[in-house]
N, C-alpha and C. Protein backbone atom coordinates (compact mmCIF):
# COMPACT_ATOMS: atom_id res chain seq x y z
N MET A 1 0.86 -1.17 0.00
CA MET A 1 0.00 0.00 0.00
C MET A 1 0.91 1.23 0.00
N LYS A 2 0.58 2.19 -0.84
CA LYS A 2 1.36 3.42 -0.92
C LYS A 2 1.19 4.22 0.37
N GLU A 3 2.22 4.95 0.74
CA GLU A 3 2.25 5.65 2.03
C GLU A 3 1.04 6.54 2.26
N GLN A 4 0.64 7.29 1.27
CA GLN A 4 -0.48 8.22 1.45
C GLN A 4 -1.78 7.48 1.75
N LYS A 5 -1.88 6.23 1.32
CA LYS A 5 -3.08 5.43 1.58
C LYS A 5 -3.28 5.20 3.08
N TYR A 6 -2.18 5.16 3.85
CA TYR A 6 -2.30 4.96 5.30
C TYR A 6 -3.02 6.14 5.95
N LYS A 7 -2.67 7.34 5.51
CA LYS A 7 -3.36 8.53 6.04
C LYS A 7 -4.82 8.51 5.63
N GLN A 8 -5.10 8.17 4.38
CA GLN A 8 -6.49 8.09 3.91
C GLN A 8 -7.28 7.04 4.69
N LEU A 9 -6.65 5.90 4.95
CA LEU A 9 -7.31 4.85 5.73
C LEU A 9 -7.59 5.34 7.14
N ASN A 10 -6.63 6.01 7.74
CA ASN A 10 -6.82 6.56 9.08
C ASN A 10 -7.96 7.58 9.10
N ASP A 11 -7.98 8.47 8.11
CA ASP A 11 -9.07 9.46 8.01
C ASP A 11 -10.42 8.76 7.86
N TYR A 12 -10.46 7.71 7.05
CA TYR A 12 -11.70 6.95 6.85
C TYR A 12 -12.18 6.35 8.19
N MET A 13 -11.27 5.81 8.96
CA MET A 13 -11.63 5.22 10.25
C MET A 13 -12.15 6.29 11.21
N LEU A 14 -11.56 7.46 11.16
CA LEU A 14 -11.96 8.53 12.08
C LEU A 14 -13.26 9.21 11.66
N GLU A 15 -13.65 9.09 10.38
CA GLU A 15 -14.89 9.72 9.89
C GLU A 15 -16.13 9.19 10.59
N SER A 16 -16.11 7.95 10.98
CA SER A 16 -17.28 7.31 11.59
C SER A 16 -16.98 6.95 13.04
N LYS A 17 -17.85 7.39 13.93
CA LYS A 17 -17.70 7.07 15.35
C LYS A 17 -17.76 5.55 15.55
N ASN A 18 -18.66 4.87 14.83
CA ASN A 18 -18.78 3.41 14.95
C ASN A 18 -17.50 2.71 14.53
N ARG A 19 -16.92 3.14 13.40
CA ARG A 19 -15.69 2.51 12.92
C ARG A 19 -14.55 2.74 13.90
N SER A 20 -14.36 3.98 14.32
CA SER A 20 -13.24 4.27 15.21
C SER A 20 -13.42 3.60 16.57
N THR A 21 -14.63 3.55 17.08
CA THR A 21 -14.89 2.89 18.36
C THR A 21 -14.64 1.39 18.25
N THR A 22 -15.07 0.79 17.15
CA THR A 22 -14.86 -0.64 16.95
C THR A 22 -13.38 -0.97 16.87
N ILE A 23 -12.63 -0.20 16.08
CA ILE A 23 -11.19 -0.44 15.95
C ILE A 23 -10.49 -0.23 17.28
N LYS A 24 -10.84 0.84 18.00
CA LYS A 24 -10.23 1.07 19.31
C LYS A 24 -10.50 -0.10 20.25
N ALA A 25 -11.75 -0.58 20.27
CA ALA A 25 -12.12 -1.68 21.17
C ALA A 25 -11.34 -2.95 20.82
N LEU A 26 -11.33 -3.30 19.52
CA LEU A 26 -10.59 -4.50 19.11
C LEU A 26 -9.10 -4.35 19.39
N HIS A 27 -8.57 -3.18 19.11
CA HIS A 27 -7.15 -2.88 19.33
C HIS A 27 -6.78 -3.09 20.79
N ASP A 28 -7.67 -2.71 21.69
CA ASP A 28 -7.37 -2.79 23.13
C ASP A 28 -7.74 -4.14 23.75
N ILE A 29 -8.85 -4.72 23.33
CA ILE A 29 -9.38 -5.91 24.00
C ILE A 29 -8.72 -7.21 23.54
N LEU A 30 -8.48 -7.35 22.24
CA LEU A 30 -7.95 -8.62 21.74
C LEU A 30 -6.58 -8.99 22.33
N PRO A 31 -5.63 -8.06 22.43
CA PRO A 31 -4.37 -8.43 23.07
C PRO A 31 -4.55 -8.85 24.54
N VAL A 32 -5.51 -8.25 25.22
CA VAL A 32 -5.78 -8.63 26.61
C VAL A 32 -6.31 -10.06 26.66
N ILE A 33 -7.20 -10.40 25.73
CA ILE A 33 -7.72 -11.77 25.68
C ILE A 33 -6.58 -12.76 25.49
N MET A 34 -5.67 -12.45 24.57
CA MET A 34 -4.52 -13.33 24.34
C MET A 34 -3.68 -13.45 25.61
N MET A 35 -3.48 -12.34 26.29
CA MET A 35 -2.62 -12.34 27.47
C MET A 35 -3.31 -12.92 28.71
N VAL A 36 -4.60 -13.14 28.65
CA VAL A 36 -5.29 -13.85 29.73
C VAL A 36 -5.22 -15.35 29.47
N PHE A 37 -5.48 -15.76 28.25
CA PHE A 37 -5.50 -17.19 27.93
C PHE A 37 -4.11 -17.82 27.94
N TYR A 38 -3.09 -17.07 27.57
CA TYR A 38 -1.75 -17.64 27.53
C TYR A 38 -1.26 -18.08 28.92
N PRO A 39 -1.32 -17.23 29.94
CA PRO A 39 -0.91 -17.73 31.27
C PRO A 39 -1.80 -18.87 31.77
N LEU A 40 -3.08 -18.84 31.43
CA LEU A 40 -3.95 -19.96 31.81
C LEU A 40 -3.48 -21.25 31.16
N GLN A 41 -3.04 -21.15 29.90
CA GLN A 41 -2.50 -22.33 29.23
C GLN A 41 -1.26 -22.83 29.96
N LEU A 42 -0.39 -21.91 30.35
CA LEU A 42 0.83 -22.32 31.05
C LEU A 42 0.51 -22.98 32.39
N VAL A 43 -0.45 -22.44 33.12
CA VAL A 43 -0.86 -23.05 34.39
C VAL A 43 -1.41 -24.45 34.14
N PHE A 44 -2.27 -24.57 33.14
CA PHE A 44 -2.83 -25.87 32.78
C PHE A 44 -1.72 -26.87 32.45
N LEU A 45 -0.75 -26.44 31.65
CA LEU A 45 0.36 -27.32 31.29
C LEU A 45 1.21 -27.68 32.50
N PHE A 46 1.45 -26.72 33.36
CA PHE A 46 2.23 -26.96 34.57
C PHE A 46 1.56 -28.02 35.44
N ILE A 47 0.25 -27.89 35.62
CA ILE A 47 -0.50 -28.83 36.46
C ILE A 47 -0.55 -30.21 35.81
N ASN A 48 -0.82 -30.26 34.52
CA ASN A 48 -1.03 -31.55 33.85
C ASN A 48 0.23 -32.21 33.29
N GLU A 49 1.21 -31.42 32.92
CA GLU A 49 2.42 -31.97 32.29
C GLU A 49 3.65 -31.89 33.17
N GLY A 50 3.67 -30.91 34.07
CA GLY A 50 4.83 -30.74 34.93
C GLY A 50 5.76 -29.65 34.45
N PHE A 51 6.53 -29.14 35.37
CA PHE A 51 7.43 -28.02 35.13
C PHE A 51 8.52 -28.34 34.12
N LYS A 52 8.98 -29.59 34.09
CA LYS A 52 10.09 -29.96 33.22
C LYS A 52 9.65 -30.63 31.92
N SER A 53 8.37 -30.66 31.67
CA SER A 53 7.90 -31.30 30.44
C SER A 53 8.30 -30.48 29.22
N GLU A 54 8.52 -31.16 28.13
CA GLU A 54 8.91 -30.49 26.89
C GLU A 54 7.83 -29.49 26.44
N VAL A 55 6.58 -29.89 26.55
CA VAL A 55 5.49 -29.03 26.09
C VAL A 55 5.41 -27.76 26.95
N PHE A 56 5.61 -27.88 28.24
CA PHE A 56 5.59 -26.69 29.11
C PHE A 56 6.79 -25.79 28.80
N LEU A 57 7.96 -26.39 28.69
CA LEU A 57 9.16 -25.59 28.42
C LEU A 57 9.09 -24.88 27.08
N LYS A 58 8.65 -25.58 26.04
CA LYS A 58 8.51 -24.94 24.72
C LYS A 58 7.47 -23.82 24.77
N SER A 59 6.34 -24.09 25.42
CA SER A 59 5.27 -23.09 25.47
C SER A 59 5.67 -21.86 26.28
N THR A 60 6.64 -22.01 27.15
CA THR A 60 7.12 -20.88 27.94
C THR A 60 8.24 -20.13 27.22
N PHE A 61 9.24 -20.87 26.77
CA PHE A 61 10.47 -20.21 26.30
C PHE A 61 10.47 -19.81 24.82
N VAL A 62 9.70 -20.48 23.99
CA VAL A 62 9.64 -20.06 22.58
C VAL A 62 8.98 -18.67 22.46
N PRO A 63 7.80 -18.45 23.08
CA PRO A 63 7.23 -17.09 23.03
C PRO A 63 8.13 -16.04 23.67
N LEU A 64 8.78 -16.40 24.78
CA LEU A 64 9.70 -15.46 25.41
C LEU A 64 10.85 -15.10 24.47
N GLY A 65 11.38 -16.10 23.79
CA GLY A 65 12.47 -15.86 22.83
C GLY A 65 12.04 -14.96 21.70
N VAL A 66 10.85 -15.19 21.16
CA VAL A 66 10.34 -14.34 20.07
C VAL A 66 10.15 -12.91 20.56
N PHE A 67 9.60 -12.76 21.76
CA PHE A 67 9.40 -11.42 22.32
C PHE A 67 10.74 -10.67 22.43
N ILE A 68 11.76 -11.35 22.91
CA ILE A 68 13.08 -10.72 23.05
C ILE A 68 13.67 -10.38 21.69
N ILE A 69 13.61 -11.32 20.75
CA ILE A 69 14.16 -11.10 19.41
C ILE A 69 13.47 -9.92 18.73
N VAL A 70 12.15 -9.88 18.78
CA VAL A 70 11.40 -8.79 18.14
C VAL A 70 11.70 -7.46 18.81
N THR A 71 11.81 -7.46 20.13
CA THR A 71 12.14 -6.22 20.86
C THR A 71 13.50 -5.69 20.43
N VAL A 72 14.49 -6.56 20.32
CA VAL A 72 15.83 -6.15 19.90
C VAL A 72 15.81 -5.67 18.44
N LEU A 73 15.13 -6.41 17.56
CA LEU A 73 15.03 -5.99 16.15
C LEU A 73 14.42 -4.60 16.02
N ARG A 74 13.36 -4.34 16.79
CA ARG A 74 12.70 -3.03 16.74
C ARG A 74 13.66 -1.91 17.13
N LEU A 75 14.48 -2.18 18.14
CA LEU A 75 15.44 -1.17 18.58
C LEU A 75 16.53 -0.94 17.54
N ILE A 76 16.99 -2.01 16.92
CA ILE A 76 18.05 -1.90 15.91
C ILE A 76 17.54 -1.21 14.65
N ILE A 77 16.39 -1.65 14.16
CA ILE A 77 15.84 -1.11 12.91
C ILE A 77 15.27 0.29 13.13
N ASN A 78 14.54 0.47 14.22
CA ASN A 78 13.95 1.75 14.63
C ASN A 78 13.21 2.46 13.49
N ALA A 79 12.36 1.71 12.80
CA ALA A 79 11.57 2.28 11.70
C ALA A 79 10.49 3.22 12.23
N LYS A 80 10.26 4.29 11.49
CA LYS A 80 9.21 5.24 11.87
C LYS A 80 7.84 4.60 11.68
N ARG A 81 6.90 5.06 12.48
CA ARG A 81 5.52 4.61 12.38
C ARG A 81 4.80 5.46 11.33
N PRO A 82 3.70 4.95 10.78
CA PRO A 82 3.01 5.72 9.74
C PRO A 82 2.59 7.11 10.20
N TYR A 83 2.07 7.23 11.41
CA TYR A 83 1.62 8.54 11.89
C TYR A 83 2.78 9.50 12.10
N GLU A 84 3.96 8.99 12.38
CA GLU A 84 5.14 9.84 12.51
C GLU A 84 5.56 10.38 11.15
N LYS A 85 5.65 9.47 10.21
CA LYS A 85 6.15 9.81 8.87
C LYS A 85 5.18 10.70 8.10
N LEU A 86 3.87 10.44 8.29
CA LEU A 86 2.87 11.14 7.49
C LEU A 86 2.18 12.26 8.26
N GLY A 87 2.47 12.41 9.53
CA GLY A 87 1.95 13.52 10.31
C GLY A 87 0.47 13.52 10.58
N TYR A 88 -0.08 12.40 10.99
CA TYR A 88 -1.49 12.36 11.38
C TYR A 88 -1.63 11.79 12.78
N THR A 89 -2.80 11.97 13.37
CA THR A 89 -3.10 11.41 14.67
C THR A 89 -3.78 10.06 14.45
N PRO A 90 -3.20 8.97 14.99
CA PRO A 90 -3.80 7.66 14.76
C PRO A 90 -5.14 7.50 15.47
N VAL A 91 -5.90 6.52 15.05
CA VAL A 91 -7.22 6.25 15.62
C VAL A 91 -7.10 5.97 17.12
N VAL A 92 -6.09 5.21 17.51
CA VAL A 92 -5.86 4.94 18.93
C VAL A 92 -4.79 5.89 19.44
N LYS A 93 -4.88 6.22 20.71
CA LYS A 93 -3.90 7.14 21.29
C LYS A 93 -2.54 6.46 21.32
N LYS A 94 -1.59 7.04 20.62
CA LYS A 94 -0.26 6.46 20.51
C LYS A 94 0.71 7.58 20.17
N ASP A 95 1.81 7.66 20.90
CA ASP A 95 2.81 8.67 20.57
C ASP A 95 4.23 8.10 20.58
N THR A 96 4.34 6.79 20.48
CA THR A 96 5.64 6.14 20.41
C THR A 96 6.37 6.60 19.16
N LYS A 97 7.64 6.86 19.32
CA LYS A 97 8.47 7.26 18.18
C LYS A 97 9.31 6.05 17.75
N GLY A 98 9.26 5.74 16.48
CA GLY A 98 10.04 4.63 15.94
C GLY A 98 9.55 3.28 16.44
N LYS A 99 10.42 2.30 16.34
CA LYS A 99 10.15 0.93 16.80
C LYS A 99 8.88 0.33 16.17
N SER A 100 8.70 0.60 14.90
CA SER A 100 7.51 0.14 14.21
C SER A 100 7.66 -1.26 13.63
N PHE A 101 8.87 -1.59 13.16
CA PHE A 101 9.09 -2.89 12.51
C PHE A 101 10.02 -3.76 13.33
N PRO A 102 9.61 -4.99 13.56
CA PRO A 102 8.32 -5.63 13.32
C PRO A 102 7.33 -5.32 14.45
N SER A 103 6.06 -5.53 14.19
CA SER A 103 5.03 -5.29 15.19
C SER A 103 5.14 -6.31 16.31
N ARG A 104 5.41 -5.83 17.52
CA ARG A 104 5.55 -6.72 18.67
C ARG A 104 4.21 -7.31 19.09
N HIS A 105 3.14 -6.52 19.00
CA HIS A 105 1.81 -7.07 19.32
C HIS A 105 1.48 -8.24 18.40
N THR A 106 1.73 -8.04 17.11
CA THR A 106 1.44 -9.08 16.14
C THR A 106 2.32 -10.30 16.36
N ALA A 107 3.61 -10.08 16.54
CA ALA A 107 4.52 -11.21 16.77
C ALA A 107 4.12 -11.98 18.02
N SER A 108 3.81 -11.27 19.08
CA SER A 108 3.41 -11.93 20.33
C SER A 108 2.12 -12.72 20.15
N ALA A 109 1.15 -12.13 19.48
CA ALA A 109 -0.13 -12.81 19.27
C ALA A 109 0.07 -14.08 18.44
N PHE A 110 0.88 -14.00 17.40
CA PHE A 110 1.07 -15.17 16.54
C PHE A 110 1.88 -16.27 17.22
N ILE A 111 2.88 -15.93 18.01
CA ILE A 111 3.66 -16.99 18.65
C ILE A 111 2.84 -17.64 19.76
N ILE A 112 1.99 -16.87 20.44
CA ILE A 112 1.08 -17.46 21.42
C ILE A 112 0.09 -18.38 20.71
N ALA A 113 -0.42 -17.94 19.58
CA ALA A 113 -1.34 -18.78 18.81
C ALA A 113 -0.65 -20.07 18.36
N MET A 114 0.61 -19.97 17.96
CA MET A 114 1.36 -21.17 17.56
C MET A 114 1.55 -22.11 18.74
N ALA A 115 1.75 -21.57 19.93
CA ALA A 115 1.86 -22.41 21.13
C ALA A 115 0.54 -23.14 21.39
N PHE A 116 -0.57 -22.44 21.22
CA PHE A 116 -1.87 -23.08 21.37
C PHE A 116 -2.07 -24.15 20.30
N LEU A 117 -1.64 -23.86 19.08
CA LEU A 117 -1.77 -24.81 17.98
C LEU A 117 -0.98 -26.08 18.28
N TYR A 118 0.16 -25.92 18.89
CA TYR A 118 1.02 -27.05 19.28
C TYR A 118 0.31 -27.96 20.30
N ILE A 119 -0.48 -27.37 21.17
CA ILE A 119 -1.16 -28.12 22.23
C ILE A 119 -2.50 -28.68 21.78
N GLN A 120 -3.30 -27.83 21.12
CA GLN A 120 -4.67 -28.21 20.78
C GLN A 120 -5.06 -27.51 19.48
N THR A 121 -5.22 -28.26 18.41
CA THR A 121 -5.39 -27.70 17.07
C THR A 121 -6.56 -26.72 16.96
N SER A 122 -7.74 -27.10 17.42
CA SER A 122 -8.90 -26.22 17.21
C SER A 122 -8.75 -24.92 17.98
N LEU A 123 -8.25 -24.98 19.20
CA LEU A 123 -8.02 -23.75 19.96
C LEU A 123 -6.91 -22.92 19.30
N GLY A 124 -5.91 -23.59 18.76
CA GLY A 124 -4.84 -22.90 18.05
C GLY A 124 -5.34 -22.15 16.83
N VAL A 125 -6.27 -22.75 16.10
CA VAL A 125 -6.85 -22.09 14.92
C VAL A 125 -7.62 -20.85 15.36
N ILE A 126 -8.39 -20.95 16.43
CA ILE A 126 -9.12 -19.79 16.95
C ILE A 126 -8.15 -18.68 17.33
N MET A 127 -7.06 -19.05 17.98
CA MET A 127 -6.07 -18.05 18.39
C MET A 127 -5.35 -17.45 17.17
N LEU A 128 -5.13 -18.24 16.13
CA LEU A 128 -4.54 -17.68 14.91
C LEU A 128 -5.47 -16.67 14.26
N ILE A 129 -6.76 -16.93 14.32
CA ILE A 129 -7.74 -15.96 13.80
C ILE A 129 -7.69 -14.67 14.63
N LEU A 130 -7.65 -14.81 15.96
CA LEU A 130 -7.52 -13.62 16.82
C LEU A 130 -6.23 -12.87 16.53
N ALA A 131 -5.14 -13.60 16.34
CA ALA A 131 -3.85 -12.96 16.03
C ALA A 131 -3.94 -12.19 14.71
N SER A 132 -4.63 -12.75 13.73
CA SER A 132 -4.80 -12.07 12.45
C SER A 132 -5.61 -10.79 12.61
N ILE A 133 -6.64 -10.85 13.44
CA ILE A 133 -7.45 -9.64 13.69
C ILE A 133 -6.62 -8.60 14.43
N ILE A 134 -5.78 -9.04 15.37
CA ILE A 134 -4.89 -8.10 16.07
C ILE A 134 -3.98 -7.41 15.05
N ALA A 135 -3.41 -8.18 14.14
CA ALA A 135 -2.54 -7.60 13.11
C ALA A 135 -3.30 -6.57 12.28
N LEU A 136 -4.51 -6.93 11.88
CA LEU A 136 -5.34 -6.02 11.09
C LEU A 136 -5.64 -4.73 11.85
N THR A 137 -5.95 -4.84 13.13
CA THR A 137 -6.27 -3.63 13.91
C THR A 137 -5.06 -2.73 14.07
N ARG A 138 -3.87 -3.29 14.05
CA ARG A 138 -2.66 -2.47 14.16
C ARG A 138 -2.52 -1.56 12.94
N VAL A 139 -2.91 -2.08 11.78
CA VAL A 139 -2.86 -1.28 10.55
C VAL A 139 -4.04 -0.32 10.50
N LEU A 140 -5.25 -0.83 10.77
CA LEU A 140 -6.45 0.01 10.69
C LEU A 140 -6.46 1.13 11.72
N SER A 141 -5.77 0.93 12.82
CA SER A 141 -5.72 1.98 13.84
C SER A 141 -4.65 3.02 13.52
N GLY A 142 -3.83 2.76 12.50
CA GLY A 142 -2.86 3.75 12.05
C GLY A 142 -1.52 3.72 12.76
N VAL A 143 -1.23 2.66 13.52
CA VAL A 143 0.01 2.63 14.29
C VAL A 143 1.10 1.76 13.65
N HIS A 144 0.75 0.98 12.61
CA HIS A 144 1.73 0.14 11.93
C HIS A 144 1.46 0.11 10.44
N TYR A 145 2.54 -0.11 9.70
CA TYR A 145 2.44 -0.40 8.29
C TYR A 145 2.11 -1.88 8.11
N ILE A 146 1.63 -2.24 6.94
CA ILE A 146 1.36 -3.65 6.63
C ILE A 146 2.64 -4.47 6.77
N ARG A 147 3.76 -3.92 6.32
CA ARG A 147 5.04 -4.66 6.41
C ARG A 147 5.39 -4.97 7.87
N ASP A 148 5.01 -4.10 8.80
CA ASP A 148 5.31 -4.31 10.21
C ASP A 148 4.59 -5.54 10.76
N VAL A 149 3.30 -5.64 10.43
CA VAL A 149 2.52 -6.77 10.95
C VAL A 149 2.86 -8.06 10.21
N ILE A 150 3.14 -7.98 8.91
CA ILE A 150 3.56 -9.18 8.18
C ILE A 150 4.90 -9.67 8.72
N GLY A 151 5.81 -8.75 8.96
CA GLY A 151 7.11 -9.12 9.53
C GLY A 151 6.96 -9.80 10.88
N GLY A 152 6.15 -9.23 11.76
CA GLY A 152 5.93 -9.83 13.07
C GLY A 152 5.29 -11.20 12.97
N ALA A 153 4.30 -11.32 12.10
CA ALA A 153 3.61 -12.60 11.93
C ALA A 153 4.57 -13.65 11.37
N LEU A 154 5.36 -13.29 10.36
CA LEU A 154 6.28 -14.26 9.75
C LEU A 154 7.34 -14.73 10.73
N ILE A 155 7.89 -13.83 11.51
CA ILE A 155 8.88 -14.22 12.52
C ILE A 155 8.27 -15.28 13.44
N SER A 156 7.06 -15.04 13.89
CA SER A 156 6.42 -15.96 14.83
C SER A 156 5.98 -17.26 14.18
N ILE A 157 5.44 -17.19 12.99
CA ILE A 157 4.99 -18.42 12.33
C ILE A 157 6.18 -19.31 11.99
N ILE A 158 7.24 -18.73 11.45
CA ILE A 158 8.43 -19.52 11.12
C ILE A 158 9.06 -20.10 12.38
N THR A 159 9.21 -19.27 13.40
CA THR A 159 9.77 -19.75 14.66
C THR A 159 8.88 -20.82 15.28
N GLY A 160 7.56 -20.60 15.22
CA GLY A 160 6.63 -21.58 15.77
C GLY A 160 6.70 -22.92 15.07
N ILE A 161 6.76 -22.89 13.74
CA ILE A 161 6.86 -24.15 12.98
C ILE A 161 8.16 -24.86 13.34
N LEU A 162 9.26 -24.11 13.34
CA LEU A 162 10.56 -24.72 13.65
C LEU A 162 10.60 -25.28 15.07
N CYS A 163 10.24 -24.46 16.04
CA CYS A 163 10.42 -24.84 17.45
C CYS A 163 9.33 -25.76 17.99
N PHE A 164 8.12 -25.62 17.53
CA PHE A 164 7.04 -26.46 18.05
C PHE A 164 6.85 -27.76 17.26
N PHE A 165 7.09 -27.70 15.96
CA PHE A 165 6.71 -28.85 15.15
C PHE A 165 7.89 -29.59 14.49
N LEU A 166 9.04 -28.94 14.35
CA LEU A 166 10.16 -29.59 13.66
C LEU A 166 11.31 -29.96 14.60
N ILE A 167 11.49 -29.22 15.64
CA ILE A 167 12.62 -29.49 16.56
C ILE A 167 12.12 -30.28 17.76
């Protein structure tokens, strides 16, 4: 998508109270849902599988590793956010400078979804759908470029496939 389209998309979202309220709500609520279910999954695994089980250790340390890697990449790359570069106010309140690529919310949501997929396929698919909606809201709310969310998703999906299903 061309850069100016991000500003137009943001303006379109702000034109309607219903659109902007919906995007704000999804932007805020969906990551919270992911962050509630993920610790519950870890508790469930701890109780049923044990602290030293492979499934518990992978479900704990693979998402942590992705979070650290994405955080470091964001600091190194320090890409500007669309609202910084194009000078608009995003749909959601945000004033972070730089650190746009890759999207940490998206990467976190996708690696958590991959952990769920590793444990229970149907729940994993539901979480992948939620992760995709989180990625979409990051773009629609004006805080990330499409490349940011695709980058975050790819890092997590590739890492998830490697660490959960191949190694």
